[in-house]
Amino acid sequence: MALKNKTKKKHSSLSKRMKISYERKDQGNGGSRVIDWKALDKDVQFFQPTLGKNIINIIPFEVKSKNHPLVKQGQLEIGDQDYCLEIWMHRFIGPSESSVICLKRMYGKACPICEEAERFKKAGKERESGALLAKQRVLYNVEDTRRKPGELQVFDVSYYLFEKELIDEARNENEDGENWLDFSNPETGSLIKFRCSKTTQGGFEFNEFKSFSFVERDDPIEDDLLESAISFDEHLNILNYEEIQAILYGSDDDEEEEDQDDEEDEKPSKKSSKKQDKPNGKYKCPHDYIFGQDVDEYEECEDCDIWAKCTGAKK
């Protein structure tokens, strides 16, 4: 019980945090390769929602670093509790197709990728600009109470598809004003029920979350789960302006790798059993469809590492 006594006074930050999330729910939408998972001294399990009904606990974690964006903004303090970490990130950037944290969206600093996106926009190149815009994702510590009770998992999901819907449902208005359902409170919070289904939009198939509801827990969250919760903020992989710029435009090392790739492309390739028999220029579809032509036509396109290149080639 020592942990619960220690954190009880901090739980008020969770209600405040939910209000912050609600106020931001219409500001944008959404990887987390921007987290240094290898720095953790344990294997990380990732939560995969099942189609149909899901029931989870969201496990709060202790804010431990000034790199937490809400600490930077003065809305939370180190030692407070948080139930999720929102991350703005750029994906498929530069020759290395890297994912990087957006310095502008996260910390209000200059970001070379945002600057490049703005240059494209001013030049009337909306597609190129859009491909560079930062996307918003959310990380939670969760317990899947139906399939893996007592085990901590990480849920990495689009802000727009999950957190926005969750926090909207958790906010109830009454005659006296706002009333927040503090679902993540370890002692008095709630189980979260939701349904997961597949939907298709713009050629992509992805999970859609709906029918959120809250059920009172029979027991408080176990101390073992609280103690094992990952403080995501202390494992963020934050690059500076020059490092991001090198990724965006490519470094000398990238150019050497490209030369080697060009040499490989000149070698004869084996026939494919799918649609593509040979590479289209330098790039070859990793799923053996036609690069620059079949973009967004197949399920594999959703998480493809060279989607931006393929889209540009099609244009």
Protein backbone atom coordinates (compact mmCIF):
# COMPACT_ATOMS: atom_id res chain seq x y z
CA MET A 1 0.00 0.00 0.00
CA ALA A 2 3.03 2.27 0.27
CA LEU A 3 2.92 3.18 -3.42
CA LYS A 4 -0.75 4.11 -3.28
CA ASN A 5 -0.23 6.33 -0.25
CA LYS A 6 2.67 8.01 -2.00
CA THR A 7 0.80 8.72 -5.22
CA LYS A 8 -2.64 9.52 -3.81
CA LYS A 9 -1.87 13.23 -3.55
CA LYS A 10 -0.70 13.26 -7.18
CA HIS A 11 -3.87 11.82 -8.68
CA SER A 12 -5.44 15.26 -8.98
CA SER A 13 -3.12 15.87 -11.92
CA LEU A 14 -4.93 13.16 -13.88
CA SER A 15 -8.23 15.07 -13.95
CA LYS A 16 -6.37 18.19 -15.00
CA ARG A 17 -4.62 16.19 -17.71
CA MET A 18 -7.93 14.94 -19.12
CA LYS A 19 -9.19 18.51 -19.46
CA ILE A 20 -6.00 19.42 -21.36
CA SER A 21 -6.56 16.48 -23.71
CA TYR A 22 -10.19 17.46 -24.32
CA GLU A 23 -9.27 21.04 -25.14
CA ARG A 24 -6.78 19.77 -27.74
CA LYS A 25 -9.01 17.13 -29.30
CA ASP A 26 -9.76 19.17 -32.43
CA GLN A 27 -6.23 20.47 -33.01
CA GLY A 28 -4.93 17.64 -35.17
CA ASN A 29 -4.77 13.96 -35.90
CA GLY A 30 -2.31 11.33 -36.29
CA GLY A 31 5.15 5.39 -33.82
CA SER A 32 6.67 5.11 -32.20
CA ARG A 33 10.13 4.62 -33.33
CA VAL A 34 10.70 7.98 -31.68
CA ILE A 35 10.86 6.14 -28.35
CA ASP A 36 14.14 4.46 -27.37
CA TRP A 37 12.63 1.10 -26.41
CA LYS A 38 16.07 -0.50 -26.15
CA ALA A 39 16.87 1.74 -23.19
CA LEU A 40 14.26 -0.10 -21.11
CA ASP A 41 15.55 -2.96 -19.00
CA LYS A 42 12.63 -5.20 -19.98
CA ASP A 43 10.84 -6.54 -23.01
CA VAL A 44 7.96 -4.35 -24.13
CA GLN A 45 4.67 -5.98 -25.05
CA PHE A 46 2.36 -4.07 -27.39
CA PHE A 47 -1.41 -4.18 -27.10
CA GLN A 48 -3.28 -5.21 -30.23
CA PRO A 49 -7.04 -4.61 -29.97
CA THR A 50 -9.25 -7.45 -31.09
CA LEU A 51 -12.10 -6.95 -33.52
CA GLY A 52 -15.24 -6.51 -31.49
CA LYS A 53 -15.34 -5.81 -27.75
CA ASN A 54 -12.26 -4.80 -25.76
CA ILE A 55 -11.94 -4.04 -22.04
CA ILE A 56 -8.81 -2.34 -20.71
CA ASN A 57 -7.41 -0.45 -17.76
CA ILE A 58 -5.26 2.56 -18.55
CA ILE A 59 -2.33 2.58 -16.11
CA PRO A 60 -1.00 6.04 -15.16
CA PHE A 61 2.73 6.69 -15.04
CA GLU A 62 4.95 9.15 -13.22
CA VAL A 63 6.24 12.13 -15.19
CA LYS A 64 10.01 11.97 -14.81
CA SER A 65 11.51 14.35 -17.35
CA LYS A 66 11.37 17.96 -18.47
CA ASN A 67 11.12 16.51 -21.99
CA HIS A 68 7.45 15.83 -21.31
CA PRO A 69 5.79 18.52 -23.47
CA LEU A 70 3.30 19.46 -20.74
CA VAL A 71 6.18 20.03 -18.32
CA LYS A 72 7.78 22.32 -20.91
CA GLN A 73 4.48 24.19 -21.13
CA GLY A 74 4.15 24.48 -17.36
CA GLN A 75 0.93 22.44 -17.23
CA LEU A 76 2.44 19.44 -15.40
CA GLU A 77 5.39 19.02 -13.06
CA ILE A 78 7.95 16.27 -12.66
CA GLY A 79 6.45 13.84 -10.17
CA ASP A 80 2.88 14.34 -11.40
CA GLN A 81 0.86 11.46 -12.80
CA ASP A 82 -0.10 11.24 -16.46
CA TYR A 83 -2.17 8.61 -18.25
CA CYS A 84 -0.84 9.05 -21.80
CA LEU A 85 1.89 10.72 -23.82
CA GLU A 86 0.93 12.56 -26.98
CA ILE A 87 3.65 12.59 -29.62
CA TRP A 88 3.83 14.73 -32.75
CA MET A 89 6.10 13.06 -35.28
CA HIS A 90 7.19 13.30 -38.90
CA ARG A 91 7.24 9.97 -40.77
CA PHE A 92 9.13 8.66 -43.82
CA ILE A 93 11.61 11.54 -43.80
CA GLY A 94 14.62 11.80 -46.10
CA PRO A 95 16.54 9.04 -47.89
CA SER A 96 16.52 6.92 -44.73
CA GLU A 97 12.69 7.10 -44.45
CA SER A 98 13.05 7.98 -40.75
CA SER A 99 10.53 8.99 -38.10
CA VAL A 100 11.48 11.97 -35.93
CA ILE A 101 9.85 14.05 -33.21
CA CYS A 102 8.52 17.40 -34.43
CA LEU A 103 10.36 20.11 -32.49
CA LYS A 104 7.73 22.72 -33.36
CA ARG A 105 4.63 20.80 -32.35
CA MET A 106 6.19 19.25 -29.25
CA TYR A 107 8.31 22.09 -27.91
CA GLY A 108 7.60 25.25 -29.91
CA LYS A 109 11.07 25.24 -31.46
CA ALA A 110 12.20 25.65 -35.05
CA CYS A 111 11.75 22.44 -37.06
CA PRO A 112 13.43 22.06 -40.48
CA ILE A 113 10.75 19.63 -41.67
CA CYS A 114 7.93 22.04 -40.83
CA GLU A 115 9.88 24.77 -42.63
CA GLU A 116 10.25 22.58 -45.71
CA ALA A 117 6.53 21.75 -45.63
CA GLU A 118 5.73 25.46 -45.52
CA ARG A 119 8.02 26.12 -48.52
CA PHE A 120 6.20 23.44 -50.50
CA LYS A 121 2.85 24.93 -49.51
CA LYS A 122 3.84 28.43 -50.61
CA ALA A 123 5.01 26.96 -53.92
CA GLY A 124 1.58 25.39 -54.45
CA LYS A 125 2.86 21.83 -53.90
CA GLU A 126 0.12 20.68 -51.55
CA ARG A 127 0.85 16.96 -51.87
CA GLU A 128 4.54 17.33 -51.04
CA SER A 129 3.68 19.66 -48.16
CA GLY A 130 1.10 17.25 -46.77
CA ALA A 131 3.51 14.34 -46.84
CA LEU A 132 5.84 16.24 -44.49
CA LEU A 133 3.27 17.40 -41.95
CA ALA A 134 3.59 16.04 -38.41
CA LYS A 135 1.10 13.37 -37.30
CA GLN A 136 -0.18 12.90 -33.75
CA ARG A 137 -0.04 9.59 -31.91
CA VAL A 138 -0.63 8.58 -28.30
CA LEU A 139 1.08 6.07 -26.01
CA TYR A 140 -0.67 4.39 -23.08
CA ASN A 141 0.28 1.79 -20.49
CA VAL A 142 -2.67 -0.60 -20.49
CA GLU A 143 -3.91 -3.86 -19.01
CA ASP A 144 -5.97 -6.07 -21.31
CA THR A 145 -8.31 -7.40 -18.64
CA ARG A 146 -9.89 -10.05 -20.89
CA ARG A 147 -6.88 -11.63 -22.57
CA LYS A 148 -3.85 -10.74 -20.43
CA PRO A 149 -4.95 -9.69 -16.95
CA GLY A 150 -2.13 -8.56 -14.68
CA GLU A 151 0.26 -7.86 -17.60
CA LEU A 152 1.45 -4.42 -18.68
CA GLN A 153 1.28 -3.59 -22.40
CA VAL A 154 1.92 -0.48 -24.47
CA PHE A 155 -0.86 0.82 -26.68
CA ASP A 156 0.45 2.94 -29.59
CA VAL A 157 -2.46 4.46 -31.50
CA SER A 158 -3.65 7.44 -33.53
CA TYR A 159 -4.76 10.37 -31.40
CA TYR A 160 -7.63 11.15 -33.73
CA LEU A 161 -8.98 7.59 -33.78
CA PHE A 162 -8.71 6.78 -30.07
CA GLU A 163 -7.82 9.52 -27.55
CA LYS A 164 -10.10 12.11 -29.13
CA GLU A 165 -13.07 9.73 -28.88
CA LEU A 166 -12.12 8.52 -25.40
CA ILE A 167 -11.73 11.94 -23.83
CA ASP A 168 -14.88 13.21 -25.50
CA GLU A 169 -16.86 10.41 -23.87
CA ALA A 170 -15.20 10.99 -20.48
CA ARG A 171 -16.37 14.59 -20.36
CA ASN A 172 -19.93 15.06 -19.16
CA GLU A 173 -21.69 18.36 -18.71
CA ASN A 174 -24.15 19.06 -15.96
CA GLU A 175 -26.02 22.11 -14.75
CA ASP A 176 -23.07 23.22 -12.64
CA GLY A 177 -20.56 23.04 -15.49
CA GLU A 178 -18.05 20.34 -16.36
CA ASN A 179 -17.76 16.94 -14.74
CA TRP A 180 -14.80 14.73 -15.62
CA LEU A 181 -14.83 10.97 -15.29
CA ASP A 182 -11.39 10.23 -13.85
CA PHE A 183 -11.11 6.83 -15.53
CA SER A 184 -7.34 6.42 -15.00
CA ASN A 185 -7.31 6.96 -11.23
CA PRO A 186 -5.70 3.78 -9.82
CA GLU A 187 -8.12 3.60 -6.88
CA THR A 188 -11.41 5.10 -8.06
CA GLY A 189 -11.12 4.93 -11.86
CA SER A 190 -12.96 2.78 -14.38
CA LEU A 191 -12.54 -0.04 -16.81
CA ILE A 192 -12.78 1.21 -20.40
CA LYS A 193 -14.93 -0.69 -22.86
CA PHE A 194 -14.81 -0.03 -26.59
CA ARG A 195 -15.39 -1.77 -29.89
CA CYS A 196 -12.80 -2.16 -32.63
CA SER A 197 -13.71 -2.62 -36.28
CA LYS A 198 -11.97 -2.39 -39.64
CA THR A 199 -12.72 0.49 -41.95
CA THR A 200 -11.33 1.70 -45.26
CA GLN A 201 -10.69 5.29 -46.28
CA GLY A 202 -8.54 6.67 -49.07
CA GLY A 203 -7.39 3.18 -49.98
CA PHE A 204 -6.20 2.44 -46.42
CA GLU A 205 -7.64 -0.16 -44.06
CA PHE A 206 -7.28 0.68 -40.39
CA ASN A 207 -8.83 0.12 -36.96
CA GLU A 208 -11.76 2.27 -35.94
CA PHE A 209 -12.70 2.63 -32.27
CA LYS A 210 -16.21 3.44 -31.09
CA SER A 211 -18.89 2.72 -28.46
CA PHE A 212 -16.74 3.85 -25.53
CA SER A 213 -18.18 3.22 -22.08
CA PHE A 214 -16.88 3.11 -18.50
CA VAL A 215 -17.46 0.45 -15.87
CA GLU A 216 -16.55 0.72 -12.19
CA ARG A 217 -13.66 -1.53 -11.21
CA ASP A 218 -14.14 -4.23 -8.61
CA ASP A 219 -10.65 -3.59 -7.21
CA PRO A 220 -7.97 -0.87 -7.45
CA ILE A 221 -5.16 -1.31 -9.97
CA GLU A 222 -2.50 -3.65 -8.61
CA ASP A 223 0.72 -2.14 -7.24
CA ASP A 224 2.81 -4.33 -9.57
CA LEU A 225 1.18 -2.74 -12.61
CA LEU A 226 1.64 0.78 -11.24
CA GLU A 227 5.30 0.12 -10.49
CA SER A 228 5.97 -1.34 -13.94
CA ALA A 229 4.26 1.50 -15.87
CA ILE A 230 6.66 3.06 -18.39
CA SER A 231 7.41 6.78 -18.05
CA PHE A 232 7.46 7.42 -21.79
CA ASP A 233 8.75 10.97 -21.43
CA GLU A 234 12.18 9.86 -20.19
CA HIS A 235 12.71 7.64 -23.24
CA LEU A 236 11.93 10.13 -26.02
CA ASN A 237 14.49 10.19 -28.80
CA ILE A 238 14.75 13.95 -29.35
CA LEU A 239 17.05 15.21 -32.11
CA ASN A 240 18.26 18.78 -32.52
CA TYR A 241 17.67 21.00 -35.56
CA GLU A 242 20.92 20.05 -37.32
CA GLU A 243 20.41 16.31 -36.79
CA ILE A 244 16.87 16.48 -38.20
CA GLN A 245 18.11 18.57 -41.12
CA ALA A 246 20.72 15.91 -41.92
CA ILE A 247 17.98 13.25 -41.99
CA LEU A 248 15.72 15.40 -44.17
CA TYR A 249 18.30 16.19 -46.85
CA GLY A 250 20.58 13.19 -46.38
CA SER A 251 24.16 13.05 -45.14
CA ASP A 252 27.33 11.94 -46.89
CA ASP A 253 26.79 8.47 -45.45
CA ASP A 254 23.33 8.39 -47.04
CA GLU A 255 24.82 9.29 -50.43
CA GLU A 256 27.32 6.43 -50.16
CA GLU A 257 24.48 4.04 -49.35
CA GLU A 258 22.50 5.33 -52.34
CA ASP A 259 25.47 4.67 -54.64
CA GLN A 260 25.60 1.10 -53.35
CA ASP A 261 21.84 0.75 -53.89
CA ASP A 262 22.23 1.99 -57.48
CA GLU A 263 24.82 -0.70 -58.12
CA GLU A 264 22.45 -3.32 -56.72
CA ASP A 265 19.63 -2.06 -58.95
CA GLU A 266 21.78 -2.71 -62.03
CA LYS A 267 22.00 -6.40 -61.18
CA PRO A 268 19.46 -8.77 -62.78
CA SER A 269 16.41 -9.43 -60.58
CA LYS A 270 14.38 -12.59 -60.21
CA LYS A 271 10.85 -12.82 -61.53
CA SER A 272 8.15 -12.04 -58.98
CA SER A 273 5.02 -14.07 -58.43
CA LYS A 274 3.07 -10.84 -57.88
CA LYS A 275 2.65 -7.77 -60.08
CA GLN A 276 6.11 -6.25 -60.23
CA ASP A 277 8.87 -8.05 -62.15
CA LYS A 278 11.50 -5.33 -61.94
CA PRO A 279 12.16 -2.13 -59.98
CA ASN A 280 10.76 1.17 -61.21
CA GLY A 281 13.94 3.29 -61.24
CA LYS A 282 15.87 3.16 -57.98
CA TYR A 283 12.98 2.02 -55.79
CA LYS A 284 11.19 -1.32 -55.78
CA CYS A 285 7.93 -2.01 -53.99
CA PRO A 286 8.78 -4.19 -50.95
CA HIS A 287 5.48 -6.03 -51.46
CA ASP A 288 6.09 -6.69 -55.18
CA TYR A 289 3.37 -4.39 -56.46
CA ILE A 290 4.20 -1.68 -59.01
CA PHE A 291 6.14 1.20 -57.45
CA GLY A 292 4.72 4.59 -58.38
CA GLN A 293 1.51 3.08 -59.72
CA ASP A 294 -0.22 0.86 -57.13
CA VAL A 295 0.07 3.32 -54.22
CA ASP A 296 -2.87 3.11 -51.77
CA GLU A 297 -4.35 0.19 -53.70
CA TYR A 298 -3.45 -2.52 -51.18
CA GLU A 299 -3.56 -3.05 -47.41
CA GLU A 300 0.24 -3.17 -47.21
CA CYS A 301 0.42 0.45 -48.39
CA GLU A 302 -0.84 1.71 -45.02
CA ASP A 303 2.44 1.11 -43.14
CA CYS A 304 4.83 0.92 -46.07
CA ASP A 305 8.24 2.51 -45.39
CA ILE A 306 8.49 4.03 -48.90
CA TRP A 307 4.89 5.23 -49.19
CA ALA A 308 5.92 8.89 -49.59
CA LYS A 309 8.38 8.03 -52.38
CA CYS A 310 5.77 5.90 -54.13
CA THR A 311 3.17 8.66 -53.89
CA GLY A 312 5.59 11.20 -55.33
CA ALA A 313 6.50 8.88 -58.20
CA LYS A 314 2.83 8.37 -59.06
CA LYS A 315 2.28 12.10 -59.25
